[in-house]
Amino acid sequence: MIRELSADDLLDIEEIFFNSFPIEEAPITFTVIKKLVAQSAKEGNYCIGYQLDEKIVGVVGFSPVFF
């Protein structure tokens, strides 16, 4: 199932990022998605995750870009 992510999903998201990226990159990439999820309602960010058997197993984050 694909659904919008919330702060309640951050533990699953952290596990995904630390298992998907090199140890040098994981803290940086996780920090970015964590901020997007936390600010999603307030700033127009949209974060979705793929859920399988009650666990988030994939994450995508989008944020507006202003020029």
C-alpha atoms as a PDB file:
ATOM      1  CA  MET A   1       0.000   0.000   0.000  1.00  0.00           C
ATOM      2  CA  ILE A   2       1.251   3.508  -0.772  1.00  0.00           C
ATOM      3  CA  ARG A   3       0.381   6.189   1.773  1.00  0.00           C
ATOM      4  CA  GLU A   4       1.462   9.551   3.114  1.00  0.00           C
ATOM      5  CA  LEU A   5       4.135   9.388   5.814  1.00  0.00           C
ATOM      6  CA  SER A   6       4.014  10.919   9.277  1.00  0.00           C
ATOM      7  CA  ALA A   7       6.421  11.410  12.169  1.00  0.00           C
ATOM      8  CA  ASP A   8       5.176   8.069  13.553  1.00  0.00           C
ATOM      9  CA  ASP A   9       6.932   6.357  10.627  1.00  0.00           C
ATOM     10  CA  LEU A  10      10.407   7.769  11.351  1.00  0.00           C
ATOM     11  CA  LEU A  11      11.794   4.612  12.988  1.00  0.00           C
ATOM     12  CA  ASP A  12      10.970   2.522   9.912  1.00  0.00           C
ATOM     13  CA  ILE A  13      12.291   5.279   7.638  1.00  0.00           C
ATOM     14  CA  GLU A  14      15.557   5.467   9.569  1.00  0.00           C
ATOM     15  CA  GLU A  15      16.041   1.716   9.211  1.00  0.00           C
ATOM     16  CA  ILE A  16      15.457   1.943   5.451  1.00  0.00           C
ATOM     17  CA  PHE A  17      17.968   4.751   4.978  1.00  0.00           C
ATOM     18  CA  PHE A  18      20.691   3.183   7.119  1.00  0.00           C
ATOM     19  CA  ASN A  19      20.292  -0.110   5.220  1.00  0.00           C
ATOM     20  CA  SER A  20      20.129   1.538   1.783  1.00  0.00           C
ATOM     21  CA  PHE A  21      22.911   4.126   1.798  1.00  0.00           C
ATOM     22  CA  PRO A  22      26.618   3.918   2.638  1.00  0.00           C
ATOM     23  CA  ILE A  23      27.352   4.695   6.282  1.00  0.00           C
ATOM     24  CA  GLU A  24      28.830   8.067   5.267  1.00  0.00           C
ATOM     25  CA  GLU A  25      25.661   9.121   3.401  1.00  0.00           C
ATOM     26  CA  ALA A  26      22.898   7.625   5.546  1.00  0.00           C
ATOM     27  CA  PRO A  27      22.924  10.279   8.300  1.00  0.00           C
ATOM     28  CA  ILE A  28      22.757  13.043   5.663  1.00  0.00           C
ATOM     29  CA  THR A  29      19.977  11.491   3.584  1.00  0.00           C
ATOM     30  CA  PHE A  30      17.946  10.486   6.631  1.00  0.00           C
ATOM     31  CA  THR A  31      18.160  14.028   8.021  1.00  0.00           C
ATOM     32  CA  VAL A  32      16.721  15.401   4.764  1.00  0.00           C
ATOM     33  CA  ILE A  33      13.731  13.027   4.664  1.00  0.00           C
ATOM     34  CA  LYS A  34      13.145  13.479   8.401  1.00  0.00           C
ATOM     35  CA  LYS A  35      12.833  17.244   7.876  1.00  0.00           C
ATOM     36  CA  LEU A  36      10.536  16.754   4.876  1.00  0.00           C
ATOM     37  CA  VAL A  37       8.249  14.466   6.866  1.00  0.00           C
ATOM     38  CA  ALA A  38       8.204  16.822   9.867  1.00  0.00           C
ATOM     39  CA  GLN A  39       7.402  19.848   7.706  1.00  0.00           C
ATOM     40  CA  SER A  40       5.062  18.146   5.240  1.00  0.00           C
ATOM     41  CA  ALA A  41       1.807  19.648   6.471  1.00  0.00           C
ATOM     42  CA  LYS A  42       3.214  23.105   7.120  1.00  0.00           C
ATOM     43  CA  GLU A  43       5.352  23.732   4.056  1.00  0.00           C
ATOM     44  CA  GLY A  44       3.825  21.817   1.188  1.00  0.00           C
ATOM     45  CA  ASN A  45       6.219  18.869   1.272  1.00  0.00           C
ATOM     46  CA  TYR A  46       4.781  15.523   0.321  1.00  0.00           C
ATOM     47  CA  CYS A  47       6.296  12.266   1.525  1.00  0.00           C
ATOM     48  CA  ILE A  48       4.998   8.849   0.596  1.00  0.00           C
ATOM     49  CA  GLY A  49       6.015   5.397   1.632  1.00  0.00           C
ATOM     50  CA  TYR A  50       5.321   1.874   0.513  1.00  0.00           C
ATOM     51  CA  GLN A  51       3.936  -0.268   3.315  1.00  0.00           C
ATOM     52  CA  LEU A  52       4.097  -4.053   3.350  1.00  0.00           C
ATOM     53  CA  ASP A  53       2.782  -6.112   6.268  1.00  0.00           C
ATOM     54  CA  GLU A  54       2.377  -3.012   8.501  1.00  0.00           C
ATOM     55  CA  LYS A  55       6.000  -1.897   7.929  1.00  0.00           C
ATOM     56  CA  ILE A  56       7.298   0.940   5.753  1.00  0.00           C
ATOM     57  CA  VAL A  57       9.709  -0.572   3.210  1.00  0.00           C
ATOM     58  CA  GLY A  58      10.190   2.318   0.758  1.00  0.00           C
ATOM     59  CA  VAL A  59      10.240   6.115   0.978  1.00  0.00           C
ATOM     60  CA  VAL A  60      10.019   9.040  -1.450  1.00  0.00           C
ATOM     61  CA  GLY A  61       9.995  12.704  -0.470  1.00  0.00           C
ATOM     62  CA  PHE A  62       9.026  15.711  -2.555  1.00  0.00           C
ATOM     63  CA  SER A  63       9.352  19.373  -1.715  1.00  0.00           C
ATOM     64  CA  PRO A  64       8.469  22.538  -3.600  1.00  0.00           C
ATOM     65  CA  VAL A  65      11.266  24.368  -5.406  1.00  0.00           C
ATOM     66  CA  PHE A  66      11.177  28.135  -5.638  1.00  0.00           C
ATOM     67  CA  PHE A  67      13.183  30.209  -8.125  1.00  0.00           C
END
